Amino acid sequence: MELRRAGNHGLNLSRIGLGTMTWGRDTDESEAAEQCRIYIEAGGNFIDTAAVYGSGDSERVVGGLIGALFKRDEVVIATKAGISINDGIRTVNTSRGALLSELDASLKRLGTDYVDLWQVHTWDDQTPIDDTLSALETAYQSGKARYVGVSNYSGWQIAYSAIKAPIATIQNEYSLLNRDPEREVLPACDHLGIGFLAWSPLGRGVLTGKYRRSEEHTSELQSLRHLVCRLLLEKK
């Protein structure tokens, strides 16, 4: 599998990453191990998780595979912090204290001294951005995170963050159904030398075709058809 450099940074990632949002929840340990084995045998090296996935269970499953399925230095492990689910309520807290506490908890669940990439999961209107970015700087300088990044940020938010912290990546939703990053996020990444990671590149499953016969997703499919027709007309 092709490896790509994250912007102007030294982080090399396989072109396709392995998402683990369902691990420990809908995907049990044995199935997760099989998915990971197939992925690594195909040449993949990038495993993406987050503290909120399965309330930490995804990280525990990933950690259980270290040493058993792959060597720690052979795989890029990325995790995210800033979102939690408490009593069914989604809470966003990207304050310095909350983020650094989450990082320590993530490292414990993963069973490792460091993560290769640590990202703020989303923008937080309730927390001063400098407070958030100071946590990324601390994690980077301490070596607990080899590289740091942000997720679900707009273009100006990325630009400001890059001034204050060594931002290596931005991870946003991007697919044929959601091309919003092309407006300002991708140009910002190109200008600043930041790597772009796409989540849900198959349109949250719509582009796989599994919803083809579902009335629930008729509007999404119609939107996709209109988009494809428009692109074809533009090429002409």
Protein backbone atom coordinates (compact mmCIF):
# COMPACT_ATOMS: atom_id res chain seq x y z
CA MET A 1 0.00 0.00 0.00
CA GLU A 2 1.24 3.47 -0.85
CA LEU A 3 2.67 5.57 2.00
CA ARG A 4 2.11 9.31 2.06
CA ARG A 5 3.77 12.03 4.11
CA ALA A 6 1.52 14.18 6.28
CA GLY A 7 2.11 17.60 4.78
CA ASN A 8 5.60 18.89 5.46
CA HIS A 9 6.01 16.72 8.53
CA GLY A 10 7.88 13.46 8.99
CA LEU A 11 4.79 11.37 9.66
CA ASN A 12 4.31 8.69 6.99
CA LEU A 13 0.87 7.11 6.76
CA SER A 14 -0.57 4.42 4.52
CA ARG A 15 -2.97 5.82 1.94
CA ILE A 16 -5.88 4.01 3.62
CA GLY A 17 -6.32 4.08 7.39
CA LEU A 18 -8.11 1.55 9.57
CA GLY A 19 -10.96 3.16 11.53
CA THR A 20 -11.93 1.52 14.81
CA MET A 21 -15.03 3.44 15.92
CA THR A 22 -17.06 0.24 16.36
CA TRP A 23 -14.33 -1.81 18.05
CA GLY A 24 -15.28 -2.99 21.51
CA ARG A 25 -18.90 -2.06 20.81
CA ASP A 26 -20.34 -3.60 17.64
CA THR A 27 -17.07 -5.32 16.69
CA ASP A 28 -15.73 -7.82 19.21
CA GLU A 29 -12.04 -8.49 19.86
CA SER A 30 -11.71 -11.49 17.56
CA GLU A 31 -13.36 -9.72 14.62
CA ALA A 32 -11.28 -6.61 15.25
CA ALA A 33 -8.11 -8.70 15.25
CA GLU A 34 -9.08 -10.28 11.94
CA GLN A 35 -9.81 -6.87 10.38
CA CYS A 36 -6.48 -5.59 11.61
CA ARG A 37 -4.57 -8.66 10.34
CA ILE A 38 -6.03 -8.29 6.84
CA TYR A 39 -5.28 -4.56 6.86
CA ILE A 40 -1.65 -4.98 7.94
CA GLU A 41 -1.07 -7.80 5.43
CA ALA A 42 -2.34 -5.41 2.73
CA GLY A 43 0.40 -2.96 3.72
CA GLY A 44 -1.55 -0.63 6.00
CA ASN A 45 0.19 1.04 8.94
CA PHE A 46 -2.33 3.62 10.23
CA ILE A 47 -4.84 2.70 12.97
CA ASP A 48 -7.24 5.47 13.98
CA THR A 49 -9.12 5.43 17.28
CA ALA A 50 -10.44 7.91 19.87
CA ALA A 51 -11.09 8.06 23.58
CA VAL A 52 -14.83 8.38 23.00
CA TYR A 53 -15.11 5.28 20.77
CA GLY A 54 -16.92 2.70 22.88
CA SER A 55 -16.14 4.85 25.94
CA GLY A 56 -12.51 3.77 25.70
CA ASP A 57 -13.13 0.17 24.65
CA SER A 58 -11.80 0.78 21.14
CA GLU A 59 -8.47 1.90 22.58
CA ARG A 60 -8.37 -1.15 24.84
CA VAL A 61 -8.90 -3.48 21.88
CA VAL A 62 -6.18 -1.71 19.87
CA GLY A 63 -3.84 -1.93 22.84
CA GLY A 64 -4.48 -5.65 23.15
CA LEU A 65 -3.21 -6.16 19.60
CA ILE A 66 0.17 -4.53 20.26
CA GLY A 67 2.74 -7.29 20.52
CA ALA A 68 0.19 -9.96 19.64
CA LEU A 69 -0.49 -8.88 16.06
CA PHE A 70 2.09 -6.20 15.33
CA LYS A 71 5.14 -4.56 16.88
CA ARG A 72 4.56 -1.12 18.39
CA ASP A 73 7.04 0.64 16.11
CA GLU A 74 5.55 -0.92 12.97
CA VAL A 75 2.17 0.81 13.24
CA VAL A 76 1.05 4.44 13.50
CA ILE A 77 -1.54 4.69 16.26
CA ALA A 78 -3.68 7.83 16.28
CA THR A 79 -6.23 8.77 18.90
CA LYS A 80 -8.37 11.79 19.67
CA ALA A 81 -9.58 13.61 22.77
CA GLY A 82 -12.12 16.28 23.67
CA ILE A 83 -15.46 14.45 23.40
CA SER A 84 -17.04 12.21 26.02
CA ILE A 85 -20.42 10.52 26.47
CA ASN A 86 -21.77 10.66 30.01
CA ASP A 87 -25.19 9.15 30.75
CA GLY A 88 -25.97 9.32 27.06
CA ILE A 89 -25.11 13.01 26.86
CA ARG A 90 -22.39 14.16 24.46
CA THR A 91 -19.98 16.56 26.15
CA VAL A 92 -17.23 18.59 24.51
CA ASN A 93 -14.35 19.79 26.69
CA THR A 94 -11.05 20.74 25.08
CA SER A 95 -9.57 22.58 28.05
CA ARG A 96 -5.90 21.93 28.78
CA GLY A 97 -6.62 19.99 31.95
CA ALA A 98 -9.30 17.79 30.40
CA LEU A 99 -7.25 17.02 27.29
CA LEU A 100 -4.07 16.07 29.15
CA SER A 101 -6.04 13.87 31.55
CA GLU A 102 -7.66 12.15 28.56
CA LEU A 103 -4.26 11.60 26.95
CA ASP A 104 -2.94 9.85 30.07
CA ALA A 105 -6.07 7.68 30.19
CA SER A 106 -5.71 6.84 26.49
CA LEU A 107 -2.08 5.81 26.93
CA LYS A 108 -3.07 3.55 29.82
CA ARG A 109 -5.82 1.87 27.79
CA LEU A 110 -3.53 1.46 24.79
CA GLY A 111 -0.72 0.11 26.96
CA THR A 112 1.92 2.35 25.39
CA ASP A 113 4.09 5.27 26.46
CA TYR A 114 3.22 7.37 23.44
CA VAL A 115 0.82 7.75 20.53
CA ASP A 116 2.09 8.58 17.07
CA LEU A 117 -0.66 11.12 16.45
CA TRP A 118 -2.90 12.83 19.00
CA GLN A 119 -5.72 15.06 17.78
CA VAL A 120 -8.29 17.38 19.32
CA HIS A 121 -11.57 15.76 18.28
CA THR A 122 -13.57 18.92 17.59
CA TRP A 123 -13.73 22.69 18.05
CA ASP A 124 -14.99 23.87 21.43
CA ASP A 125 -16.71 27.25 21.60
CA GLN A 126 -16.59 27.18 25.40
CA THR A 127 -12.81 26.88 25.70
CA PRO A 128 -10.24 29.53 24.67
CA ILE A 129 -8.31 28.09 21.74
CA ASP A 130 -4.94 28.97 23.28
CA ASP A 131 -5.82 26.78 26.27
CA THR A 132 -6.58 23.89 23.92
CA LEU A 133 -3.43 24.36 21.86
CA SER A 134 -1.22 24.54 24.95
CA ALA A 135 -2.24 20.92 25.68
CA LEU A 136 -1.12 19.87 22.20
CA GLU A 137 2.20 21.66 22.67
CA THR A 138 2.75 19.98 26.04
CA ALA A 139 1.93 16.53 24.67
CA TYR A 140 4.29 17.10 21.76
CA GLN A 141 7.17 18.43 23.85
CA SER A 142 6.82 15.66 26.44
CA GLY A 143 6.99 12.94 23.79
CA LYS A 144 3.65 11.46 24.78
CA ALA A 145 2.50 12.39 21.28
CA ARG A 146 4.99 12.16 18.43
CA TYR A 147 2.75 14.38 16.30
CA VAL A 148 -0.36 16.42 17.05
CA GLY A 149 -3.34 17.61 15.04
CA VAL A 150 -6.93 18.78 15.08
CA SER A 151 -10.20 17.43 13.74
CA ASN A 152 -13.39 18.99 12.39
CA TYR A 153 -11.85 22.49 12.24
CA SER A 154 -12.58 25.18 9.67
CA GLY A 155 -9.93 26.87 7.56
CA TRP A 156 -9.37 29.86 9.85
CA GLN A 157 -9.32 27.62 12.92
CA ILE A 158 -6.61 25.49 11.32
CA ALA A 159 -4.59 28.56 10.36
CA TYR A 160 -4.71 30.02 13.87
CA SER A 161 -3.86 26.65 15.43
CA ALA A 162 -0.83 26.23 13.16
CA ILE A 163 0.59 29.52 14.47
CA LYS A 164 0.42 28.34 18.08
CA ALA A 165 1.17 24.60 17.90
CA PRO A 166 3.04 22.17 15.62
CA ILE A 167 -0.11 20.97 13.83
CA ALA A 168 0.73 18.04 11.54
CA THR A 169 -2.76 16.92 10.48
CA ILE A 170 -6.39 17.91 10.16
CA GLN A 171 -9.06 15.20 10.07
CA ASN A 172 -12.43 16.20 8.59
CA GLU A 173 -15.31 14.48 6.84
CA TYR A 174 -14.73 14.39 3.08
CA SER A 175 -16.39 12.38 0.31
CA LEU A 176 -18.36 12.80 -2.91
CA LEU A 177 -21.35 13.61 -0.69
CA ASN A 178 -19.47 16.14 1.43
CA ARG A 179 -17.00 18.27 -0.48
CA ASP A 180 -16.99 21.17 2.00
CA PRO A 181 -13.23 20.86 2.76
CA GLU A 182 -12.48 21.94 -0.81
CA ARG A 183 -13.69 25.47 -0.03
CA GLU A 184 -11.10 26.47 2.56
CA VAL A 185 -9.75 23.50 4.52
CA LEU A 186 -7.77 21.85 1.72
CA PRO A 187 -6.32 25.17 0.50
CA ALA A 188 -5.29 25.97 4.09
CA CYS A 189 -3.59 22.58 4.40
CA ASP A 190 -1.72 23.09 1.12
CA HIS A 191 -0.55 26.54 2.15
CA LEU A 192 0.49 25.53 5.68
CA GLY A 193 2.02 22.14 4.85
CA ILE A 194 -0.51 20.21 6.97
CA GLY A 195 -1.63 16.69 6.12
CA PHE A 196 -5.33 16.13 5.46
CA LEU A 197 -7.05 12.96 6.73
CA ALA A 198 -10.54 12.19 5.45
CA TRP A 199 -13.07 10.51 7.70
CA SER A 200 -16.12 8.76 6.28
CA PRO A 201 -14.75 8.83 2.70
CA LEU A 202 -17.58 6.47 1.70
CA GLY A 203 -20.24 8.98 2.71
CA ARG A 204 -21.16 7.31 6.03
CA GLY A 205 -21.81 4.09 4.11
CA VAL A 206 -24.03 5.59 1.41
CA LEU A 207 -21.33 5.29 -1.27
CA THR A 208 -20.85 1.57 -0.55
CA GLY A 209 -24.26 0.87 -2.12
CA LYS A 210 -25.61 -0.91 0.95
CA TYR A 211 -28.48 1.57 1.20
CA ARG A 212 -29.43 1.24 -2.45
CA ARG A 213 -32.83 -0.28 -1.69
CA SER A 214 -33.55 1.74 1.45
CA GLU A 215 -36.19 4.47 1.23
CA GLU A 216 -34.54 6.13 4.19
CA HIS A 217 -31.52 7.05 2.06
CA THR A 218 -33.30 7.89 -1.18
CA SER A 219 -32.53 11.61 -0.78
CA GLU A 220 -28.82 10.91 -0.22
CA LEU A 221 -28.64 8.79 -3.34
CA GLN A 222 -30.48 11.40 -5.37
CA SER A 223 -28.03 14.02 -4.17
CA LEU A 224 -25.16 11.78 -5.22
CA ARG A 225 -26.67 11.24 -8.68
CA HIS A 226 -27.14 14.99 -9.13
CA LEU A 227 -23.54 15.58 -8.02
CA VAL A 228 -22.15 13.01 -10.46
CA CYS A 229 -24.21 14.48 -13.32
CA ARG A 230 -22.97 17.96 -12.48
CA LEU A 231 -19.35 16.81 -12.45
CA LEU A 232 -19.78 15.11 -15.80
CA LEU A 233 -21.31 18.27 -17.27
CA GLU A 234 -18.44 20.37 -15.90
CA LYS A 235 -15.93 18.08 -17.59
CA LYS A 236 -17.70 18.57 -20.92
